Amino acid sequence: MITLCIPTKDRPELLARVLRYYRGQGARFQVVIADSSLSPVADANQRLVDSLRSSLDLRYLRYEPEIHVAQKIARALEQVETPYAALGADDDFSVPAALDRAAGFLAAHPDYALAHGDAILFHAPAAAADNGGGPLVIRYPQRSVEQATGALRLLDHLSHYALTFYSLHRTALLRDTWKVVSGLELDYAFVELLPSCLAIIQGKSKQLGGLYLARQGHAAQTSVTHLRDPLEWVADPSWASQQARVRRVLAEALARQDGLTLEAAREVVKQAFWSCLAKTLTTKWDNRYGQRGIAARLRFRAMARRIPGLRSAWRAARALLPGSHPAISLEALRRPSSVYHTDFMPIYRVVTEGAAGGPA
C-alpha cells in the first residue's frame, strides 16, 4: 500500500543507519533507494541492500552521480506501484506506524491529497555537546490545511509555511508533481517549495496525532524556512527567472483545480508569494538584527544561568497552556509518560548507537 522513496548520495553510513531502523521496526512498506553515489559507495550501498532483502522489501535504483535531485526523485517515482508514497531522506526517520495511520486516513478521505503527523528536528550528539552528549531535539512545524478551494489552501499554506515534502501522498499526484518539477531548472529551496504548493492546490492536508517524522538538522539545509540569509537567495541573479517559472506553474495548476481564469489564478499566486516572502524576511531580520530576537534571547539565557531549573520549568509551563502540543525536548521524549516516547526511543537508540561507533 505504501512506498517510501529515499534519495541518497555518498552517505553510506546514514543509509545503513536508516535501513537498520526500518528493519528494527519491522517495516512492511516497500523502500526504494534512489542512489546517485559515486561507484565505490554505490557498490557498497548495493551490497547493503542485497544483505537486507530478507527482512525488508527493498528496491535499489542507481543513477548517474551528476543527476539533479528533482530528476532523480521523478524517475524513481515512475517505478512506484503502490497507491500511496512518501519521500524520505537518508538522515531522517519516518515512523512506520504513523505512515500506516496516514494511509488509512487518505483511504477514507478522498478530498485530502496528503497526510502526516507531528515531527521533530534533532541535531546529532556530535553537534550538540552542550546537551549532555545526546541529540538536541526541538519541534518541527507541521500543520493541517483544510480549506475548500485550492486558492484558499495556497494562501493559507504560504502565509504559515510548513514543510510537506515528507508527508504521505497519493502516488499518482506525487508522481505528476515531480514530473513537472524535474522539467524546471530550480535551486533546492524552490525544489522544496514548488511540490509543496502543488500538493496543497491539489487537495487538503491533514496533520494527525503522534510522532510521524524525525529530521536530522544540519548546516546545509536549504528549506525556505531554514535559509541562513534569505536576502542572498532573493538577490541571486537566477532567482527572478526561477520564481517566474514557479509562479507560472502554480497559476496554471490553480486555474485547473478551481476553474479560475489564468489572470485570477496569477493574482492569487502573487498574493501567496508576497505573504511567504514578507513573513520569511521579517522573521529572519528580527532573529538577526531585531531587538525582540536578539535582546529577548540574551535576557532569557542570562536569567536561565542565574536561576537553576528555569529552562525546564518554562518548557513544562508551556506544555500546560491551552492548545499546547505535547512537550518536545530530549528530556521529555525519553520519559515513558510522553505520548511520543514509544515511537521516539527506537530512533534515539539507532542515532546514539551510530554516534558511539555502534554497528551500521
Protein backbone atom coordinates (compact mmCIF):
# COMPACT_ATOMS: atom_id res chain seq x y z
CA MET A 1 0.00 0.00 0.00
CA ILE A 2 2.91 2.38 0.81
CA THR A 3 6.28 3.06 -0.79
CA LEU A 4 8.96 5.15 0.89
CA CYS A 5 11.41 6.62 -1.62
CA ILE A 6 14.81 7.58 -0.20
CA PRO A 7 17.16 9.64 -2.41
CA THR A 8 20.78 9.23 -1.32
CA LYS A 9 24.24 10.24 -2.46
CA ASP A 10 27.63 9.40 -0.96
CA ARG A 11 26.38 8.94 2.62
CA PRO A 12 26.55 5.16 3.13
CA GLU A 13 26.70 5.35 6.92
CA LEU A 14 23.43 7.29 7.04
CA LEU A 15 21.71 4.98 4.58
CA ALA A 16 22.81 1.99 6.67
CA ARG A 17 21.55 3.70 9.83
CA VAL A 18 18.06 4.43 8.50
CA LEU A 19 17.68 0.95 6.98
CA ARG A 20 18.76 -0.55 10.29
CA TYR A 21 15.96 1.48 11.91
CA TYR A 22 13.32 0.26 9.44
CA ARG A 23 14.49 -3.33 9.86
CA GLY A 24 14.25 -2.99 13.64
CA GLN A 25 10.71 -1.61 13.32
CA GLY A 26 9.61 -4.46 11.07
CA ALA A 27 8.56 -2.02 8.35
CA ARG A 28 6.09 -3.62 5.96
CA PHE A 29 6.16 -0.97 3.23
CA GLN A 30 8.45 -1.01 0.22
CA VAL A 31 11.58 1.13 0.40
CA VAL A 32 13.00 2.43 -2.87
CA ILE A 33 16.63 3.57 -2.69
CA ALA A 34 17.39 6.18 -5.37
CA ASP A 35 21.20 6.26 -5.33
CA SER A 36 23.44 8.61 -7.28
CA SER A 37 26.61 7.90 -5.31
CA LEU A 38 30.00 7.54 -6.91
CA SER A 39 30.92 3.98 -7.86
CA PRO A 40 32.71 2.72 -4.71
CA VAL A 41 29.94 4.00 -2.44
CA ALA A 42 27.16 2.89 -4.79
CA ASP A 43 28.65 -0.60 -4.92
CA ALA A 44 28.68 -0.73 -1.10
CA ASN A 45 25.08 0.52 -0.96
CA GLN A 46 24.03 -2.18 -3.42
CA ARG A 47 25.65 -4.84 -1.23
CA LEU A 48 23.93 -3.40 1.84
CA VAL A 49 20.54 -3.55 0.16
CA ASP A 50 21.15 -7.11 -1.00
CA SER A 51 22.04 -8.14 2.56
CA LEU A 52 18.76 -6.77 3.92
CA ARG A 53 16.32 -8.13 1.35
CA SER A 54 15.30 -10.99 3.64
CA SER A 55 13.99 -8.56 6.28
CA LEU A 56 12.89 -5.52 4.23
CA ASP A 57 11.05 -5.00 0.94
CA LEU A 58 13.84 -3.09 -0.81
CA ARG A 59 14.33 -1.87 -4.35
CA TYR A 60 17.64 -0.34 -5.41
CA LEU A 61 17.77 2.16 -8.28
CA ARG A 62 21.13 3.53 -9.42
CA TYR A 63 21.56 6.86 -11.21
CA GLU A 64 24.42 8.84 -12.64
CA PRO A 65 26.23 10.96 -10.00
CA GLU A 66 25.54 14.25 -11.79
CA ILE A 67 21.75 13.83 -11.87
CA HIS A 68 19.74 16.64 -10.26
CA VAL A 69 17.81 15.54 -7.17
CA ALA A 70 14.46 16.57 -8.70
CA GLN A 71 15.09 14.40 -11.77
CA LYS A 72 16.22 11.52 -9.58
CA ILE A 73 13.05 11.69 -7.48
CA ALA A 74 10.85 11.95 -10.57
CA ARG A 75 12.46 8.93 -12.20
CA ALA A 76 12.27 6.88 -9.00
CA LEU A 77 8.57 7.68 -8.54
CA GLU A 78 7.90 6.31 -12.02
CA GLN A 79 8.78 2.89 -10.56
CA VAL A 80 6.33 3.12 -7.64
CA GLU A 81 3.22 0.96 -7.97
CA THR A 82 1.57 1.37 -4.54
CA PRO A 83 -1.35 3.82 -4.12
CA TYR A 84 0.49 5.91 -1.53
CA ALA A 85 4.07 7.16 -1.43
CA ALA A 86 6.28 9.33 0.73
CA LEU A 87 9.72 10.80 0.24
CA GLY A 88 12.33 10.22 2.87
CA ALA A 89 15.95 11.18 3.36
CA ASP A 90 18.93 9.07 4.30
CA ASP A 91 19.37 11.08 7.53
CA ASP A 92 15.68 11.24 8.54
CA PHE A 93 13.26 8.72 10.03
CA SER A 94 9.60 8.17 9.08
CA VAL A 95 7.72 6.25 11.78
CA PRO A 96 6.18 3.14 10.14
CA ALA A 97 3.05 3.11 12.31
CA ALA A 98 2.45 6.78 11.50
CA LEU A 99 2.74 6.11 7.76
CA ASP A 100 0.10 3.39 8.18
CA ARG A 101 -2.20 5.83 10.01
CA ALA A 102 -1.74 8.41 7.26
CA ALA A 103 -2.56 5.84 4.58
CA GLY A 104 -5.71 4.83 6.42
CA PHE A 105 -6.76 8.47 6.66
CA LEU A 106 -6.20 9.12 2.95
CA ALA A 107 -8.11 5.99 2.02
CA ALA A 108 -11.11 7.25 4.00
CA HIS A 109 -10.92 10.90 2.87
CA PRO A 110 -10.65 11.30 -0.91
CA ASP A 111 -10.62 15.12 -0.73
CA TYR A 112 -7.24 15.03 1.05
CA ALA A 113 -4.05 14.90 -1.03
CA LEU A 114 -1.59 14.32 1.80
CA ALA A 115 -1.34 13.48 5.48
CA HIS A 116 1.33 13.44 8.17
CA GLY A 117 1.71 13.63 11.94
CA ASP A 118 3.88 15.51 14.40
CA ALA A 119 7.57 15.96 13.63
CA ILE A 120 10.78 16.72 15.45
CA LEU A 121 14.13 18.13 14.36
CA PHE A 122 17.23 16.75 16.04
CA HIS A 123 20.91 17.57 15.88
CA ALA A 124 23.10 14.53 16.35
CA PRO A 125 25.24 14.23 19.51
CA ALA A 126 28.44 15.43 17.84
CA ALA A 127 26.71 18.72 17.04
CA ALA A 128 25.09 19.04 20.46
CA ALA A 129 27.85 18.60 23.01
CA ASP A 130 26.19 21.21 25.21
CA ASN A 131 23.17 18.92 25.59
CA GLY A 132 24.86 16.29 27.69
CA GLY A 133 26.02 14.24 24.73
CA GLY A 134 22.55 13.38 23.44
CA PRO A 135 20.70 14.75 20.42
CA LEU A 136 19.35 18.28 20.69
CA VAL A 137 15.63 17.97 19.90
CA ILE A 138 13.03 20.61 19.01
CA ARG A 139 9.60 20.59 17.38
CA TYR A 140 9.49 20.65 13.58
CA PRO A 141 6.36 22.52 12.46
CA GLN A 142 3.62 20.55 10.73
CA ARG A 143 0.00 21.58 10.20
CA SER A 144 -3.33 20.92 8.52
CA VAL A 145 -4.55 22.95 5.54
CA GLU A 146 -8.23 22.16 5.02
CA GLN A 147 -9.94 24.98 3.12
CA ALA A 148 -12.43 24.04 0.41
CA THR A 149 -10.58 25.56 -2.58
CA GLY A 150 -7.06 25.39 -3.91
CA ALA A 151 -6.79 29.18 -3.79
CA LEU A 152 -7.65 29.40 -0.09
CA ARG A 153 -5.35 26.50 0.73
CA LEU A 154 -2.42 28.06 -1.14
CA LEU A 155 -2.91 31.40 0.60
CA ASP A 156 -3.05 29.71 3.99
CA HIS A 157 -0.10 27.44 3.24
CA LEU A 158 2.28 30.21 2.22
CA SER A 159 1.09 32.52 4.99
CA HIS A 160 2.04 29.89 7.60
CA TYR A 161 4.50 27.77 5.67
CA ALA A 162 5.29 24.28 6.95
CA LEU A 163 7.13 21.60 5.01
CA THR A 164 5.04 18.92 3.27
CA PHE A 165 7.97 17.26 1.48
CA TYR A 166 7.89 14.16 3.72
CA SER A 167 4.10 13.81 4.01
CA LEU A 168 2.35 10.72 2.70
CA HIS A 169 0.84 11.49 -0.73
CA ARG A 170 -1.36 9.80 -3.25
CA THR A 171 1.22 8.31 -5.60
CA ALA A 172 -0.39 9.46 -8.85
CA LEU A 173 -0.44 13.09 -7.69
CA LEU A 174 3.07 12.91 -6.28
CA ARG A 175 4.42 11.38 -9.50
CA ASP A 176 2.77 14.06 -11.67
CA THR A 177 4.05 16.81 -9.38
CA TRP A 178 7.67 15.69 -9.54
CA LYS A 179 7.48 15.22 -13.30
CA VAL A 180 6.66 18.94 -13.51
CA VAL A 181 9.35 19.93 -11.00
CA SER A 182 12.03 17.89 -12.75
CA GLY A 183 11.41 19.75 -16.01
CA LEU A 184 12.39 23.10 -14.48
CA GLU A 185 15.83 24.35 -13.54
CA LEU A 186 15.34 25.21 -9.87
CA ASP A 187 17.56 25.57 -6.82
CA TYR A 188 16.95 23.39 -3.78
CA ALA A 189 14.74 25.90 -1.98
CA PHE A 190 12.36 26.12 -4.94
CA VAL A 191 12.59 22.33 -5.39
CA GLU A 192 11.06 22.08 -1.91
CA LEU A 193 8.59 24.94 -2.29
CA LEU A 194 7.01 24.09 -5.65
CA PRO A 195 5.92 20.48 -4.97
CA SER A 196 4.67 21.55 -1.56
CA CYS A 197 2.43 24.21 -3.10
CA LEU A 198 1.25 21.94 -5.92
CA ALA A 199 0.20 19.29 -3.40
CA ILE A 200 -1.78 21.83 -1.37
CA ILE A 201 -3.54 23.08 -4.50
CA GLN A 202 -4.50 19.51 -5.43
CA GLY A 203 -6.15 18.68 -2.12
CA LYS A 204 -6.35 19.17 1.61
CA SER A 205 -3.56 18.35 4.06
CA LYS A 206 -4.14 16.68 7.42
CA GLN A 207 -1.95 16.63 10.50
CA LEU A 208 -2.71 13.56 12.56
CA GLY A 209 -1.59 12.94 16.12
CA GLY A 210 1.50 11.00 17.07
CA LEU A 211 5.13 11.15 16.02
CA TYR A 212 5.44 10.85 12.25
CA LEU A 213 8.91 12.12 11.36
CA ALA A 214 12.29 12.81 12.91
CA ARG A 215 14.50 15.03 10.77
CA GLN A 216 18.21 15.48 11.35
CA GLY A 217 19.26 19.10 11.22
CA HIS A 218 22.49 20.24 9.63
CA ALA A 219 24.08 23.46 8.43
CA ALA A 220 23.47 22.76 4.73
CA GLN A 221 19.67 22.64 4.91
CA THR A 222 18.09 24.59 2.07
CA SER A 223 14.44 24.79 3.13
CA VAL A 224 12.85 28.20 2.66
CA THR A 225 12.34 28.37 6.42
CA HIS A 226 15.95 27.34 7.13
CA LEU A 227 17.79 29.64 4.73
CA ARG A 228 20.53 31.37 6.67
CA ASP A 229 20.21 34.51 4.57
CA PRO A 230 17.00 34.77 2.53
CA LEU A 231 18.10 38.16 1.19
CA GLU A 232 21.02 36.48 -0.56
CA TRP A 233 18.61 33.91 -2.00
CA VAL A 234 16.31 36.61 -3.40
CA ALA A 235 19.28 38.64 -4.66
CA ASP A 236 20.74 35.73 -6.62
CA PRO A 237 20.75 36.52 -10.38
CA SER A 238 18.78 33.35 -11.15
CA TRP A 239 16.04 34.00 -8.58
CA ALA A 240 13.82 36.17 -10.77
CA SER A 241 13.62 33.65 -13.59
CA GLN A 242 13.11 30.74 -11.19
CA GLN A 243 10.27 32.37 -9.29
CA ALA A 244 8.64 33.38 -12.57
CA ARG A 245 8.64 29.72 -13.69
CA VAL A 246 7.31 28.56 -10.33
CA ARG A 247 4.54 31.16 -10.29
CA ARG A 248 3.52 30.25 -13.84
CA VAL A 249 3.25 26.55 -12.98
CA LEU A 250 1.27 27.29 -9.82
CA ALA A 251 -1.13 29.65 -11.60
CA GLU A 252 -1.82 27.06 -14.28
CA ALA A 253 -2.41 24.35 -11.66
CA LEU A 254 -4.68 26.63 -9.63
CA ALA A 255 -6.71 27.64 -12.67
CA ARG A 256 -7.31 23.95 -13.48
CA GLN A 257 -8.13 23.00 -9.90
CA ASP A 258 -10.57 25.82 -9.10
CA GLY A 259 -11.86 26.67 -12.57
CA LEU A 260 -10.39 30.17 -12.38
CA THR A 261 -9.24 32.34 -15.23
CA LEU A 262 -5.47 32.36 -15.60
CA GLU A 263 -5.41 36.05 -14.69
CA ALA A 264 -7.31 35.43 -11.44
CA ALA A 265 -5.06 32.47 -10.60
CA ARG A 266 -1.93 34.56 -11.19
CA GLU A 267 -3.19 37.15 -8.72
CA VAL A 268 -3.79 34.52 -6.03
CA VAL A 269 -0.31 33.08 -6.54
CA LYS A 270 1.22 36.56 -6.41
CA GLN A 271 -0.54 37.33 -3.13
CA ALA A 272 0.57 33.99 -1.67
CA PHE A 273 4.20 34.64 -2.65
CA TRP A 274 4.07 38.12 -1.16
CA SER A 275 2.86 36.60 2.10
CA CYS A 276 5.59 33.96 2.19
CA LEU A 277 8.39 36.40 1.41
CA ALA A 278 7.12 39.03 3.82
CA LYS A 279 6.99 36.60 6.72
CA THR A 280 10.30 34.90 5.92
CA LEU A 281 12.24 38.13 5.52
CA THR A 282 10.66 39.73 8.58
CA THR A 283 11.29 36.70 10.79
CA LYS A 284 14.89 36.30 9.66
CA TRP A 285 15.58 40.03 10.07
CA ASP A 286 14.11 40.03 13.56
CA ASN A 287 16.13 36.96 14.54
CA ARG A 288 19.35 38.51 13.30
CA TYR A 289 19.00 42.23 13.93
CA GLY A 290 15.76 42.94 15.82
CA GLN A 291 15.64 43.80 19.48
CA ARG A 292 12.93 41.26 20.09
CA GLY A 293 15.01 38.48 18.58
CA ILE A 294 18.48 39.19 19.97
CA ALA A 295 17.76 41.02 23.22
CA ALA A 296 15.00 38.69 24.36
CA ARG A 297 17.13 35.60 23.80
CA LEU A 298 20.10 37.12 25.59
CA ARG A 299 17.97 38.19 28.56
CA PHE A 300 16.42 34.74 28.88
CA ARG A 301 19.78 32.97 28.61
CA ALA A 302 21.32 35.24 31.24
CA MET A 303 18.36 34.63 33.56
CA ALA A 304 18.48 30.88 32.93
CA ARG A 305 22.11 30.79 34.02
CA ARG A 306 21.27 32.56 37.28
CA ILE A 307 18.13 30.57 38.14
CA PRO A 308 18.56 26.77 38.23
CA GLY A 309 15.80 24.85 36.51
CA LEU A 310 14.30 27.84 34.70
CA ARG A 311 14.53 26.31 31.24
CA SER A 312 12.87 23.04 32.25
CA ALA A 313 10.21 24.93 34.22
CA TRP A 314 9.42 27.09 31.18
CA ARG A 315 9.07 24.03 28.96
CA ALA A 316 6.75 22.40 31.49
CA ALA A 317 4.64 25.56 31.82
CA ARG A 318 4.26 25.89 28.05
CA ALA A 319 3.05 22.30 27.83
CA LEU A 320 0.15 23.18 30.16
CA LEU A 321 -1.08 26.16 28.16
CA PRO A 322 -4.44 25.74 26.40
CA GLY A 323 -3.96 24.31 22.92
CA SER A 324 -0.32 23.46 23.56
CA HIS A 325 1.28 20.46 21.90
CA PRO A 326 2.96 17.74 23.95
CA ALA A 327 6.39 18.80 25.19
CA ILE A 328 9.32 18.36 22.81
CA SER A 329 12.82 18.04 24.26
CA LEU A 330 15.20 15.16 24.70
CA GLU A 331 14.33 15.04 28.39
CA ALA A 332 10.58 14.99 27.70
CA LEU A 333 10.74 12.41 24.90
CA ARG A 334 12.74 9.96 27.00
CA ARG A 335 10.05 9.93 29.69
CA PRO A 336 7.66 6.95 29.35
CA SER A 337 4.80 9.36 30.03
CA SER A 338 5.42 11.21 26.74
CA VAL A 339 2.91 10.42 24.00
CA TYR A 340 5.90 10.28 21.63
CA HIS A 341 8.08 8.02 23.80
CA THR A 342 7.34 4.65 22.18
CA ASP A 343 7.99 5.95 18.67
CA PHE A 344 10.94 8.15 19.62
CA MET A 345 13.09 5.70 21.54
CA PRO A 346 13.95 3.38 18.60
CA ILE A 347 15.10 6.47 16.68
CA TYR A 348 17.08 7.69 19.68
CA ARG A 349 18.78 4.34 20.08
CA VAL A 350 19.80 3.98 16.45
CA VAL A 351 21.13 7.56 16.35
CA THR A 352 23.12 7.27 19.57
CA GLU A 353 24.45 3.82 18.67
CA GLY A 354 25.76 5.19 15.37
CA ALA A 355 27.30 8.23 17.06
CA ALA A 356 29.03 5.97 19.56
CA GLY A 357 30.52 3.85 16.79
CA GLY A 358 27.93 1.09 17.02
CA PRO A 359 27.20 -1.32 14.19
CA ALA A 360 25.92 0.19 10.95
